[in-house]
mmCIF file of all heavy atoms, coordinates in Angstrom:
data_MODEL
# 
_entry.id   MODEL 
# 
loop_
_atom_site.group_PDB 
_atom_site.id 
_atom_site.type_symbol 
_atom_site.label_atom_id 
_atom_site.label_alt_id 
_atom_site.label_comp_id 
_atom_site.label_asym_id 
_atom_site.label_entity_id 
_atom_site.label_seq_id 
_atom_site.pdbx_PDB_ins_code 
_atom_site.Cartn_x 
_atom_site.Cartn_y 
_atom_site.Cartn_z 
_atom_site.occupancy 
_atom_site.B_iso_or_equiv 
_atom_site.pdbx_formal_charge 
_atom_site.auth_seq_id 
_atom_site.auth_comp_id 
_atom_site.auth_asym_id 
_atom_site.auth_atom_id 
_atom_site.pdbx_PDB_model_num 
ATOM 1   N N   . VAL A 1 1  ? 88.569 108.987 67.574 1.00 0.00 ? 1  VAL A N   1 
ATOM 2   C CA  . VAL A 1 1  ? 88.529 108.780 66.046 1.00 0.00 ? 1  VAL A CA  1 
ATOM 3   C C   . VAL A 1 1  ? 88.045 109.992 65.435 1.00 0.00 ? 1  VAL A C   1 
ATOM 4   O O   . VAL A 1 1  ? 88.652 110.472 64.515 1.00 0.00 ? 1  VAL A O   1 
ATOM 5   C CB  . VAL A 1 1  ? 87.735 107.524 65.882 1.00 0.00 ? 1  VAL A CB  1 
ATOM 6   C CG1 . VAL A 1 1  ? 87.509 107.426 64.344 1.00 0.00 ? 1  VAL A CG1 1 
ATOM 7   C CG2 . VAL A 1 1  ? 88.365 106.129 66.291 1.00 0.00 ? 1  VAL A CG2 1 
ATOM 8   N N   . ILE A 1 2  ? 87.070 110.600 65.948 1.00 0.00 ? 2  ILE A N   1 
ATOM 9   C CA  . ILE A 1 2  ? 86.352 111.759 65.345 1.00 0.00 ? 2  ILE A CA  1 
ATOM 10  C C   . ILE A 1 2  ? 87.505 112.815 65.371 1.00 0.00 ? 2  ILE A C   1 
ATOM 11  O O   . ILE A 1 2  ? 87.744 113.606 64.429 1.00 0.00 ? 2  ILE A O   1 
ATOM 12  C CB  . ILE A 1 2  ? 85.077 112.132 66.048 1.00 0.00 ? 2  ILE A CB  1 
ATOM 13  C CG1 . ILE A 1 2  ? 84.058 111.184 65.692 1.00 0.00 ? 2  ILE A CG1 1 
ATOM 14  C CG2 . ILE A 1 2  ? 84.690 113.581 65.540 1.00 0.00 ? 2  ILE A CG2 1 
ATOM 15  C CD1 . ILE A 1 2  ? 82.753 111.434 66.561 1.00 0.00 ? 2  ILE A CD1 1 
ATOM 16  N N   . ALA A 1 3  ? 87.984 113.238 66.575 1.00 0.00 ? 3  ALA A N   1 
ATOM 17  C CA  . ALA A 1 3  ? 88.856 114.271 66.770 1.00 0.00 ? 3  ALA A CA  1 
ATOM 18  C C   . ALA A 1 3  ? 90.210 114.121 65.828 1.00 0.00 ? 3  ALA A C   1 
ATOM 19  O O   . ALA A 1 3  ? 90.575 115.040 65.293 1.00 0.00 ? 3  ALA A O   1 
ATOM 20  C CB  . ALA A 1 3  ? 89.387 114.232 68.237 1.00 0.00 ? 3  ALA A CB  1 
ATOM 21  N N   . VAL A 1 4  ? 90.618 112.918 65.648 1.00 0.00 ? 4  VAL A N   1 
ATOM 22  C CA  . VAL A 1 4  ? 91.909 112.654 64.857 1.00 0.00 ? 4  VAL A CA  1 
ATOM 23  C C   . VAL A 1 4  ? 91.510 112.946 63.362 1.00 0.00 ? 4  VAL A C   1 
ATOM 24  O O   . VAL A 1 4  ? 92.277 113.574 62.687 1.00 0.00 ? 4  VAL A O   1 
ATOM 25  C CB  . VAL A 1 4  ? 92.294 111.151 64.984 1.00 0.00 ? 4  VAL A CB  1 
ATOM 26  C CG1 . VAL A 1 4  ? 93.290 110.888 63.829 1.00 0.00 ? 4  VAL A CG1 1 
ATOM 27  C CG2 . VAL A 1 4  ? 93.007 110.946 66.408 1.00 0.00 ? 4  VAL A CG2 1 
ATOM 28  N N   . LEU A 1 5  ? 90.277 112.600 62.934 1.00 0.00 ? 5  LEU A N   1 
ATOM 29  C CA  . LEU A 1 5  ? 89.968 112.779 61.561 1.00 0.00 ? 5  LEU A CA  1 
ATOM 30  C C   . LEU A 1 5  ? 89.674 114.294 61.238 1.00 0.00 ? 5  LEU A C   1 
ATOM 31  O O   . LEU A 1 5  ? 89.915 114.725 60.028 1.00 0.00 ? 5  LEU A O   1 
ATOM 32  C CB  . LEU A 1 5  ? 88.687 111.903 61.320 1.00 0.00 ? 5  LEU A CB  1 
ATOM 33  C CG  . LEU A 1 5  ? 88.914 110.440 61.249 1.00 0.00 ? 5  LEU A CG  1 
ATOM 34  C CD1 . LEU A 1 5  ? 87.522 109.731 60.999 1.00 0.00 ? 5  LEU A CD1 1 
ATOM 35  C CD2 . LEU A 1 5  ? 89.915 110.009 60.215 1.00 0.00 ? 5  LEU A CD2 1 
ATOM 36  N N   . VAL A 1 6  ? 89.145 115.184 62.133 1.00 0.00 ? 6  VAL A N   1 
ATOM 37  C CA  . VAL A 1 6  ? 88.745 116.380 61.838 1.00 0.00 ? 6  VAL A CA  1 
ATOM 38  C C   . VAL A 1 6  ? 89.653 117.453 62.140 1.00 0.00 ? 6  VAL A C   1 
ATOM 39  O O   . VAL A 1 6  ? 89.568 118.719 62.026 1.00 0.00 ? 6  VAL A O   1 
ATOM 40  C CB  . VAL A 1 6  ? 87.388 116.790 62.461 1.00 0.00 ? 6  VAL A CB  1 
ATOM 41  C CG1 . VAL A 1 6  ? 86.351 115.831 61.983 1.00 0.00 ? 6  VAL A CG1 1 
ATOM 42  C CG2 . VAL A 1 6  ? 87.501 116.883 64.054 1.00 0.00 ? 6  VAL A CG2 1 
ATOM 43  N N   . ALA A 1 7  ? 90.864 116.997 62.910 1.00 0.00 ? 7  ALA A N   1 
ATOM 44  C CA  . ALA A 1 7  ? 91.800 117.959 63.486 1.00 0.00 ? 7  ALA A CA  1 
ATOM 45  C C   . ALA A 1 7  ? 92.443 118.927 62.298 1.00 0.00 ? 7  ALA A C   1 
ATOM 46  O O   . ALA A 1 7  ? 92.474 120.151 62.437 1.00 0.00 ? 7  ALA A O   1 
ATOM 47  C CB  . ALA A 1 7  ? 92.927 117.284 64.131 1.00 0.00 ? 7  ALA A CB  1 
ATOM 48  N N   . ARG A 1 8  ? 92.970 118.343 61.258 1.00 0.00 ? 8  ARG A N   1 
ATOM 49  C CA  . ARG A 1 8  ? 93.495 119.111 60.247 1.00 0.00 ? 8  ARG A CA  1 
ATOM 50  C C   . ARG A 1 8  ? 92.538 120.135 59.571 1.00 0.00 ? 8  ARG A C   1 
ATOM 51  O O   . ARG A 1 8  ? 92.784 121.211 59.367 1.00 0.00 ? 8  ARG A O   1 
ATOM 52  C CB  . ARG A 1 8  ? 94.270 118.279 59.274 1.00 0.00 ? 8  ARG A CB  1 
ATOM 53  C CG  . ARG A 1 8  ? 95.113 119.024 58.092 1.00 0.00 ? 8  ARG A CG  1 
ATOM 54  C CD  . ARG A 1 8  ? 95.893 118.125 57.250 1.00 0.00 ? 8  ARG A CD  1 
ATOM 55  N NE  . ARG A 1 8  ? 96.969 117.586 57.921 1.00 0.00 ? 8  ARG A NE  1 
ATOM 56  C CZ  . ARG A 1 8  ? 98.127 118.188 58.107 1.00 0.00 ? 8  ARG A CZ  1 
ATOM 57  N NH1 . ARG A 1 8  ? 98.298 119.486 57.676 1.00 0.00 ? 8  ARG A NH1 1 
ATOM 58  N NH2 . ARG A 1 8  ? 99.115 117.649 58.669 1.00 0.00 ? 8  ARG A NH2 1 
ATOM 59  N N   . PRO A 1 9  ? 91.410 119.510 59.144 1.00 0.00 ? 9  PRO A N   1 
ATOM 60  C CA  . PRO A 1 9  ? 90.339 120.382 58.469 1.00 0.00 ? 9  PRO A CA  1 
ATOM 61  C C   . PRO A 1 9  ? 89.974 121.593 59.346 1.00 0.00 ? 9  PRO A C   1 
ATOM 62  O O   . PRO A 1 9  ? 89.756 122.675 58.700 1.00 0.00 ? 9  PRO A O   1 
ATOM 63  C CB  . PRO A 1 9  ? 89.222 119.423 58.117 1.00 0.00 ? 9  PRO A CB  1 
ATOM 64  C CG  . PRO A 1 9  ? 89.809 118.131 58.065 1.00 0.00 ? 9  PRO A CG  1 
ATOM 65  C CD  . PRO A 1 9  ? 90.964 118.128 59.074 1.00 0.00 ? 9  PRO A CD  1 
ATOM 66  N N   . LEU A 1 10 ? 89.883 121.435 60.577 1.00 0.00 ? 10 LEU A N   1 
ATOM 67  C CA  . LEU A 1 10 ? 89.361 122.405 61.400 1.00 0.00 ? 10 LEU A CA  1 
ATOM 68  C C   . LEU A 1 10 ? 90.409 123.550 61.751 1.00 0.00 ? 10 LEU A C   1 
ATOM 69  O O   . LEU A 1 10 ? 90.139 124.658 61.885 1.00 0.00 ? 10 LEU A O   1 
ATOM 70  C CB  . LEU A 1 10 ? 88.646 121.967 62.685 1.00 0.00 ? 10 LEU A CB  1 
ATOM 71  C CG  . LEU A 1 10 ? 87.339 121.170 62.551 1.00 0.00 ? 10 LEU A CG  1 
ATOM 72  C CD1 . LEU A 1 10 ? 86.846 120.678 63.910 1.00 0.00 ? 10 LEU A CD1 1 
ATOM 73  C CD2 . LEU A 1 10 ? 86.314 122.168 61.924 1.00 0.00 ? 10 LEU A CD2 1 
ATOM 74  N N   . LEU A 1 11 ? 91.673 122.976 61.996 1.00 0.00 ? 11 LEU A N   1 
ATOM 75  C CA  . LEU A 1 11 ? 92.624 123.978 62.583 1.00 0.00 ? 11 LEU A CA  1 
ATOM 76  C C   . LEU A 1 11 ? 93.882 124.167 61.738 1.00 0.00 ? 11 LEU A C   1 
ATOM 77  O O   . LEU A 1 11 ? 94.827 124.812 62.213 1.00 0.00 ? 11 LEU A O   1 
ATOM 78  C CB  . LEU A 1 11 ? 93.023 123.419 63.953 1.00 0.00 ? 11 LEU A CB  1 
ATOM 79  C CG  . LEU A 1 11 ? 91.988 123.437 65.187 1.00 0.00 ? 11 LEU A CG  1 
ATOM 80  C CD1 . LEU A 1 11 ? 92.487 122.802 66.340 1.00 0.00 ? 11 LEU A CD1 1 
ATOM 81  C CD2 . LEU A 1 11 ? 91.737 124.945 65.379 1.00 0.00 ? 11 LEU A CD2 1 
ATOM 82  N N   . GLY A 1 12 ? 93.918 123.469 60.734 1.00 0.00 ? 12 GLY A N   1 
ATOM 83  C CA  . GLY A 1 12 ? 95.205 123.513 59.891 1.00 0.00 ? 12 GLY A CA  1 
ATOM 84  C C   . GLY A 1 12 ? 95.504 124.910 59.436 1.00 0.00 ? 12 GLY A C   1 
ATOM 85  O O   . GLY A 1 12 ? 96.728 125.047 59.187 1.00 0.00 ? 12 GLY A O   1 
ATOM 86  N N   . LYS A 1 13 ? 94.533 125.774 59.346 1.00 0.00 ? 13 LYS A N   1 
ATOM 87  C CA  . LYS A 1 13 ? 94.993 127.138 58.772 1.00 0.00 ? 13 LYS A CA  1 
ATOM 88  C C   . LYS A 1 13 ? 94.950 128.201 59.942 1.00 0.00 ? 13 LYS A C   1 
ATOM 89  O O   . LYS A 1 13 ? 94.979 129.482 59.418 1.00 0.00 ? 13 LYS A O   1 
ATOM 90  C CB  . LYS A 1 13 ? 93.893 127.537 57.647 1.00 0.00 ? 13 LYS A CB  1 
ATOM 91  C CG  . LYS A 1 13 ? 94.061 126.556 56.435 1.00 0.00 ? 13 LYS A CG  1 
ATOM 92  C CD  . LYS A 1 13 ? 93.065 127.095 55.368 1.00 0.00 ? 13 LYS A CD  1 
ATOM 93  C CE  . LYS A 1 13 ? 93.109 126.152 54.167 1.00 0.00 ? 13 LYS A CE  1 
ATOM 94  N NZ  . LYS A 1 13 ? 92.265 126.564 53.059 1.00 0.00 ? 13 LYS A NZ  1 
ATOM 95  N N   . SER A 1 14 ? 94.844 127.795 61.089 1.00 0.00 ? 14 SER A N   1 
ATOM 96  C CA  . SER A 1 14 ? 94.787 128.893 62.233 1.00 0.00 ? 14 SER A CA  1 
ATOM 97  C C   . SER A 1 14 ? 96.218 129.136 62.621 1.00 0.00 ? 14 SER A C   1 
ATOM 98  O O   . SER A 1 14 ? 97.104 128.318 62.964 1.00 0.00 ? 14 SER A O   1 
ATOM 99  C CB  . SER A 1 14 ? 94.064 128.276 63.374 1.00 0.00 ? 14 SER A CB  1 
ATOM 100 O OG  . SER A 1 14 ? 93.989 129.100 64.577 1.00 0.00 ? 14 SER A OG  1 
ATOM 101 N N   . ASP A 1 15 ? 96.407 130.537 62.707 1.00 0.00 ? 15 ASP A N   1 
ATOM 102 C CA  . ASP A 1 15 ? 97.718 130.944 63.169 1.00 0.00 ? 15 ASP A CA  1 
ATOM 103 C C   . ASP A 1 15 ? 97.934 130.937 64.588 1.00 0.00 ? 15 ASP A C   1 
ATOM 104 O O   . ASP A 1 15 ? 98.939 130.742 65.183 1.00 0.00 ? 15 ASP A O   1 
ATOM 105 C CB  . ASP A 1 15 ? 97.970 132.448 62.659 1.00 0.00 ? 15 ASP A CB  1 
ATOM 106 C CG  . ASP A 1 15 ? 98.344 132.402 61.148 1.00 0.00 ? 15 ASP A CG  1 
ATOM 107 O OD1 . ASP A 1 15 ? 98.629 131.400 60.636 1.00 0.00 ? 15 ASP A OD1 1 
ATOM 108 O OD2 . ASP A 1 15 ? 98.085 133.445 60.451 1.00 0.00 ? 15 ASP A OD2 1 
ATOM 109 N N   . GLN A 1 16 ? 96.853 131.383 65.337 1.00 0.00 ? 16 GLN A N   1 
ATOM 110 C CA  . GLN A 1 16 ? 96.891 131.429 66.787 1.00 0.00 ? 16 GLN A CA  1 
ATOM 111 C C   . GLN A 1 16 ? 95.871 130.537 67.374 1.00 0.00 ? 16 GLN A C   1 
ATOM 112 O O   . GLN A 1 16 ? 94.655 131.006 67.594 1.00 0.00 ? 16 GLN A O   1 
ATOM 113 C CB  . GLN A 1 16 ? 96.880 132.794 67.399 1.00 0.00 ? 16 GLN A CB  1 
ATOM 114 C CG  . GLN A 1 16 ? 98.136 133.642 67.051 1.00 0.00 ? 16 GLN A CG  1 
ATOM 115 C CD  . GLN A 1 16 ? 98.063 135.014 67.847 1.00 0.00 ? 16 GLN A CD  1 
ATOM 116 O OE1 . GLN A 1 16 ? 98.061 135.006 69.151 1.00 0.00 ? 16 GLN A OE1 1 
ATOM 117 N NE2 . GLN A 1 16 ? 98.060 136.025 67.031 1.00 0.00 ? 16 GLN A NE2 1 
ATOM 118 N N   . ALA A 1 17 ? 96.016 129.397 67.525 1.00 0.00 ? 17 ALA A N   1 
ATOM 119 C CA  . ALA A 1 17 ? 94.945 128.403 67.871 1.00 0.00 ? 17 ALA A CA  1 
ATOM 120 C C   . ALA A 1 17 ? 94.266 128.632 69.264 1.00 0.00 ? 17 ALA A C   1 
ATOM 121 O O   . ALA A 1 17 ? 93.091 128.578 69.477 1.00 0.00 ? 17 ALA A O   1 
ATOM 122 C CB  . ALA A 1 17 ? 95.413 126.901 67.879 1.00 0.00 ? 17 ALA A CB  1 
ATOM 123 N N   . PHE A 1 18 ? 95.189 129.231 70.195 1.00 0.00 ? 18 PHE A N   1 
ATOM 124 C CA  . PHE A 1 18 ? 94.670 129.489 71.452 1.00 0.00 ? 18 PHE A CA  1 
ATOM 125 C C   . PHE A 1 18 ? 93.628 130.705 71.434 1.00 0.00 ? 18 PHE A C   1 
ATOM 126 O O   . PHE A 1 18 ? 92.573 130.570 72.009 1.00 0.00 ? 18 PHE A O   1 
ATOM 127 C CB  . PHE A 1 18 ? 95.840 129.891 72.487 1.00 0.00 ? 18 PHE A CB  1 
ATOM 128 C CG  . PHE A 1 18 ? 95.384 130.278 73.744 1.00 0.00 ? 18 PHE A CG  1 
ATOM 129 C CD1 . PHE A 1 18 ? 95.027 129.234 74.792 1.00 0.00 ? 18 PHE A CD1 1 
ATOM 130 C CD2 . PHE A 1 18 ? 95.202 131.541 74.205 1.00 0.00 ? 18 PHE A CD2 1 
ATOM 131 C CE1 . PHE A 1 18 ? 94.562 129.630 76.017 1.00 0.00 ? 18 PHE A CE1 1 
ATOM 132 C CE2 . PHE A 1 18 ? 94.844 131.859 75.475 1.00 0.00 ? 18 PHE A CE2 1 
ATOM 133 C CZ  . PHE A 1 18 ? 94.538 130.795 76.362 1.00 0.00 ? 18 PHE A CZ  1 
ATOM 134 N N   . GLN A 1 19 ? 93.886 131.628 70.719 1.00 0.00 ? 19 GLN A N   1 
ATOM 135 C CA  . GLN A 1 19 ? 92.974 132.764 70.563 1.00 0.00 ? 19 GLN A CA  1 
ATOM 136 C C   . GLN A 1 19 ? 91.721 132.382 69.853 1.00 0.00 ? 19 GLN A C   1 
ATOM 137 O O   . GLN A 1 19 ? 90.628 132.854 70.147 1.00 0.00 ? 19 GLN A O   1 
ATOM 138 C CB  . GLN A 1 19 ? 93.692 133.901 69.869 1.00 0.00 ? 19 GLN A CB  1 
ATOM 139 C CG  . GLN A 1 19 ? 94.645 134.687 70.628 1.00 0.00 ? 19 GLN A CG  1 
ATOM 140 C CD  . GLN A 1 19 ? 94.017 135.262 71.938 1.00 0.00 ? 19 GLN A CD  1 
ATOM 141 O OE1 . GLN A 1 19 ? 94.334 134.944 73.067 1.00 0.00 ? 19 GLN A OE1 1 
ATOM 142 N NE2 . GLN A 1 19 ? 93.198 136.310 71.741 1.00 0.00 ? 19 GLN A NE2 1 
ATOM 143 N N   . PHE A 1 20 ? 91.854 131.502 68.802 1.00 0.00 ? 20 PHE A N   1 
ATOM 144 C CA  . PHE A 1 20 ? 90.754 130.949 68.068 1.00 0.00 ? 20 PHE A CA  1 
ATOM 145 C C   . PHE A 1 20 ? 89.758 130.181 69.015 1.00 0.00 ? 20 PHE A C   1 
ATOM 146 O O   . PHE A 1 20 ? 88.575 130.397 68.943 1.00 0.00 ? 20 PHE A O   1 
ATOM 147 C CB  . PHE A 1 20 ? 91.145 129.924 67.027 1.00 0.00 ? 20 PHE A CB  1 
ATOM 148 C CG  . PHE A 1 20 ? 90.126 129.015 66.488 1.00 0.00 ? 20 PHE A CG  1 
ATOM 149 C CD1 . PHE A 1 20 ? 89.158 129.535 65.525 1.00 0.00 ? 20 PHE A CD1 1 
ATOM 150 C CD2 . PHE A 1 20 ? 90.080 127.733 66.885 1.00 0.00 ? 20 PHE A CD2 1 
ATOM 151 C CE1 . PHE A 1 20 ? 88.195 128.754 65.114 1.00 0.00 ? 20 PHE A CE1 1 
ATOM 152 C CE2 . PHE A 1 20 ? 89.012 126.930 66.548 1.00 0.00 ? 20 PHE A CE2 1 
ATOM 153 C CZ  . PHE A 1 20 ? 88.157 127.360 65.563 1.00 0.00 ? 20 PHE A CZ  1 
ATOM 154 N N   . ILE A 1 21 ? 90.260 129.498 69.869 1.00 0.00 ? 21 ILE A N   1 
ATOM 155 C CA  . ILE A 1 21 ? 89.430 128.622 70.790 1.00 0.00 ? 21 ILE A CA  1 
ATOM 156 C C   . ILE A 1 21 ? 88.760 129.558 71.789 1.00 0.00 ? 21 ILE A C   1 
ATOM 157 O O   . ILE A 1 21 ? 87.425 129.369 72.074 1.00 0.00 ? 21 ILE A O   1 
ATOM 158 C CB  . ILE A 1 21 ? 90.391 127.554 71.613 1.00 0.00 ? 21 ILE A CB  1 
ATOM 159 C CG1 . ILE A 1 21 ? 91.048 126.550 70.614 1.00 0.00 ? 21 ILE A CG1 1 
ATOM 160 C CG2 . ILE A 1 21 ? 89.566 126.972 72.776 1.00 0.00 ? 21 ILE A CG2 1 
ATOM 161 C CD1 . ILE A 1 21 ? 92.163 125.764 71.234 1.00 0.00 ? 21 ILE A CD1 1 
ATOM 162 N N   . GLN A 1 22 ? 89.427 130.608 72.273 1.00 0.00 ? 22 GLN A N   1 
ATOM 163 C CA  . GLN A 1 22 ? 88.698 131.572 73.227 1.00 0.00 ? 22 GLN A CA  1 
ATOM 164 C C   . GLN A 1 22 ? 87.649 132.247 72.548 1.00 0.00 ? 22 GLN A C   1 
ATOM 165 O O   . GLN A 1 22 ? 86.536 132.456 73.144 1.00 0.00 ? 22 GLN A O   1 
ATOM 166 C CB  . GLN A 1 22 ? 89.942 132.474 73.683 1.00 0.00 ? 22 GLN A CB  1 
ATOM 167 C CG  . GLN A 1 22 ? 91.001 131.860 74.528 1.00 0.00 ? 22 GLN A CG  1 
ATOM 168 C CD  . GLN A 1 22 ? 90.554 131.105 75.641 1.00 0.00 ? 22 GLN A CD  1 
ATOM 169 O OE1 . GLN A 1 22 ? 89.713 131.348 76.424 1.00 0.00 ? 22 GLN A OE1 1 
ATOM 170 N NE2 . GLN A 1 22 ? 91.176 129.864 75.783 1.00 0.00 ? 22 GLN A NE2 1 
ATOM 171 N N   . GLU A 1 23 ? 87.905 132.694 71.312 1.00 0.00 ? 23 GLU A N   1 
ATOM 172 C CA  . GLU A 1 23 ? 86.882 133.500 70.678 1.00 0.00 ? 23 GLU A CA  1 
ATOM 173 C C   . GLU A 1 23 ? 85.529 132.693 70.342 1.00 0.00 ? 23 GLU A C   1 
ATOM 174 O O   . GLU A 1 23 ? 84.474 132.965 70.468 1.00 0.00 ? 23 GLU A O   1 
ATOM 175 C CB  . GLU A 1 23 ? 87.424 134.122 69.344 1.00 0.00 ? 23 GLU A CB  1 
ATOM 176 C CG  . GLU A 1 23 ? 86.393 134.973 68.726 1.00 0.00 ? 23 GLU A CG  1 
ATOM 177 C CD  . GLU A 1 23 ? 87.011 136.208 67.920 1.00 0.00 ? 23 GLU A CD  1 
ATOM 178 O OE1 . GLU A 1 23 ? 88.116 136.258 67.902 1.00 0.00 ? 23 GLU A OE1 1 
ATOM 179 O OE2 . GLU A 1 23 ? 86.153 136.965 67.414 1.00 0.00 ? 23 GLU A OE2 1 
ATOM 180 N N   . PHE A 1 24 ? 85.819 131.370 69.769 1.00 0.00 ? 24 PHE A N   1 
ATOM 181 C CA  . PHE A 1 24 ? 84.756 130.474 69.488 1.00 0.00 ? 24 PHE A CA  1 
ATOM 182 C C   . PHE A 1 24 ? 83.954 130.056 70.711 1.00 0.00 ? 24 PHE A C   1 
ATOM 183 O O   . PHE A 1 24 ? 82.653 130.277 70.668 1.00 0.00 ? 24 PHE A O   1 
ATOM 184 C CB  . PHE A 1 24 ? 85.325 129.287 68.829 1.00 0.00 ? 24 PHE A CB  1 
ATOM 185 C CG  . PHE A 1 24 ? 84.211 128.273 68.343 1.00 0.00 ? 24 PHE A CG  1 
ATOM 186 C CD1 . PHE A 1 24 ? 83.650 128.426 67.101 1.00 0.00 ? 24 PHE A CD1 1 
ATOM 187 C CD2 . PHE A 1 24 ? 83.869 127.251 69.141 1.00 0.00 ? 24 PHE A CD2 1 
ATOM 188 C CE1 . PHE A 1 24 ? 82.651 127.524 66.685 1.00 0.00 ? 24 PHE A CE1 1 
ATOM 189 C CE2 . PHE A 1 24 ? 82.922 126.453 68.697 1.00 0.00 ? 24 PHE A CE2 1 
ATOM 190 C CZ  . PHE A 1 24 ? 82.232 126.570 67.519 1.00 0.00 ? 24 PHE A CZ  1 
ATOM 191 N N   . THR A 1 25 ? 84.623 129.708 71.832 1.00 0.00 ? 25 THR A N   1 
ATOM 192 C CA  . THR A 1 25 ? 83.731 129.349 73.041 1.00 0.00 ? 25 THR A CA  1 
ATOM 193 C C   . THR A 1 25 ? 83.040 130.648 73.595 1.00 0.00 ? 25 THR A C   1 
ATOM 194 O O   . THR A 1 25 ? 82.187 130.433 74.341 1.00 0.00 ? 25 THR A O   1 
ATOM 195 C CB  . THR A 1 25 ? 84.739 128.726 73.997 1.00 0.00 ? 25 THR A CB  1 
ATOM 196 O OG1 . THR A 1 25 ? 85.863 129.519 74.329 1.00 0.00 ? 25 THR A OG1 1 
ATOM 197 C CG2 . THR A 1 25 ? 85.279 127.359 73.576 1.00 0.00 ? 25 THR A CG2 1 
ATOM 198 N N   . GLY A 1 26 ? 83.491 131.744 73.351 1.00 0.00 ? 26 GLY A N   1 
ATOM 199 C CA  . GLY A 1 26 ? 83.048 132.965 73.812 1.00 0.00 ? 26 GLY A CA  1 
ATOM 200 C C   . GLY A 1 26 ? 81.612 133.210 73.340 1.00 0.00 ? 26 GLY A C   1 
ATOM 201 O O   . GLY A 1 26 ? 80.902 133.958 73.858 1.00 0.00 ? 26 GLY A O   1 
ATOM 202 N N   . PHE A 1 27 ? 81.272 132.575 72.175 1.00 0.00 ? 27 PHE A N   1 
ATOM 203 C CA  . PHE A 1 27 ? 79.866 132.597 71.811 1.00 0.00 ? 27 PHE A CA  1 
ATOM 204 C C   . PHE A 1 27 ? 78.872 131.891 72.684 1.00 0.00 ? 27 PHE A C   1 
ATOM 205 O O   . PHE A 1 27 ? 77.686 132.404 72.964 1.00 0.00 ? 27 PHE A O   1 
ATOM 206 C CB  . PHE A 1 27 ? 79.740 131.875 70.366 1.00 0.00 ? 27 PHE A CB  1 
ATOM 207 C CG  . PHE A 1 27 ? 79.928 132.757 69.210 1.00 0.00 ? 27 PHE A CG  1 
ATOM 208 C CD1 . PHE A 1 27 ? 81.291 133.417 69.086 1.00 0.00 ? 27 PHE A CD1 1 
ATOM 209 C CD2 . PHE A 1 27 ? 79.184 132.988 68.204 1.00 0.00 ? 27 PHE A CD2 1 
ATOM 210 C CE1 . PHE A 1 27 ? 81.608 134.098 68.056 1.00 0.00 ? 27 PHE A CE1 1 
ATOM 211 C CE2 . PHE A 1 27 ? 79.320 133.892 67.130 1.00 0.00 ? 27 PHE A CE2 1 
ATOM 212 C CZ  . PHE A 1 27 ? 80.770 134.325 67.067 1.00 0.00 ? 27 PHE A CZ  1 
ATOM 213 N N   . PHE A 1 28 ? 79.352 131.015 73.535 1.00 0.00 ? 28 PHE A N   1 
ATOM 214 C CA  . PHE A 1 28 ? 78.448 130.188 74.354 1.00 0.00 ? 28 PHE A CA  1 
ATOM 215 C C   . PHE A 1 28 ? 78.624 130.436 75.905 1.00 0.00 ? 28 PHE A C   1 
ATOM 216 O O   . PHE A 1 28 ? 77.659 130.332 76.514 1.00 0.00 ? 28 PHE A O   1 
ATOM 217 C CB  . PHE A 1 28 ? 78.801 128.698 74.172 1.00 0.00 ? 28 PHE A CB  1 
ATOM 218 C CG  . PHE A 1 28 ? 78.563 128.214 72.678 1.00 0.00 ? 28 PHE A CG  1 
ATOM 219 C CD1 . PHE A 1 28 ? 79.850 128.221 71.904 1.00 0.00 ? 28 PHE A CD1 1 
ATOM 220 C CD2 . PHE A 1 28 ? 77.523 127.960 72.166 1.00 0.00 ? 28 PHE A CD2 1 
ATOM 221 C CE1 . PHE A 1 28 ? 79.746 127.788 70.661 1.00 0.00 ? 28 PHE A CE1 1 
ATOM 222 C CE2 . PHE A 1 28 ? 77.379 127.605 70.750 1.00 0.00 ? 28 PHE A CE2 1 
ATOM 223 C CZ  . PHE A 1 28 ? 78.512 127.534 69.983 1.00 0.00 ? 28 PHE A CZ  1 
ATOM 224 N N   . THR A 1 29 ? 79.721 130.914 76.342 1.00 0.00 ? 29 THR A N   1 
ATOM 225 C CA  . THR A 1 29 ? 80.100 131.059 77.756 1.00 0.00 ? 29 THR A CA  1 
ATOM 226 C C   . THR A 1 29 ? 79.134 132.051 78.484 1.00 0.00 ? 29 THR A C   1 
ATOM 227 O O   . THR A 1 29 ? 78.789 131.822 79.576 1.00 0.00 ? 29 THR A O   1 
ATOM 228 C CB  . THR A 1 29 ? 81.589 131.384 77.892 1.00 0.00 ? 29 THR A CB  1 
ATOM 229 O OG1 . THR A 1 29 ? 81.921 132.526 77.112 1.00 0.00 ? 29 THR A OG1 1 
ATOM 230 C CG2 . THR A 1 29 ? 82.385 130.180 77.724 1.00 0.00 ? 29 THR A CG2 1 
ATOM 231 N N   . PRO A 1 30 ? 78.694 133.146 77.836 1.00 0.00 ? 30 PRO A N   1 
ATOM 232 C CA  . PRO A 1 30 ? 77.953 134.116 78.607 1.00 0.00 ? 30 PRO A CA  1 
ATOM 233 C C   . PRO A 1 30 ? 76.651 133.390 79.007 1.00 0.00 ? 30 PRO A C   1 
ATOM 234 O O   . PRO A 1 30 ? 76.232 133.523 80.150 1.00 0.00 ? 30 PRO A O   1 
ATOM 235 C CB  . PRO A 1 30 ? 77.630 135.200 77.556 1.00 0.00 ? 30 PRO A CB  1 
ATOM 236 C CG  . PRO A 1 30 ? 78.838 135.182 76.757 1.00 0.00 ? 30 PRO A CG  1 
ATOM 237 C CD  . PRO A 1 30 ? 79.215 133.761 76.581 1.00 0.00 ? 30 PRO A CD  1 
# 
């Protein structure tokens, strides 16, 4: 339910979602 509700607000304006995910998670992975 949460994911369905926030999908458009979070990713609706992203051109390359794959690269966005990689860079965002890169803050935590080290």
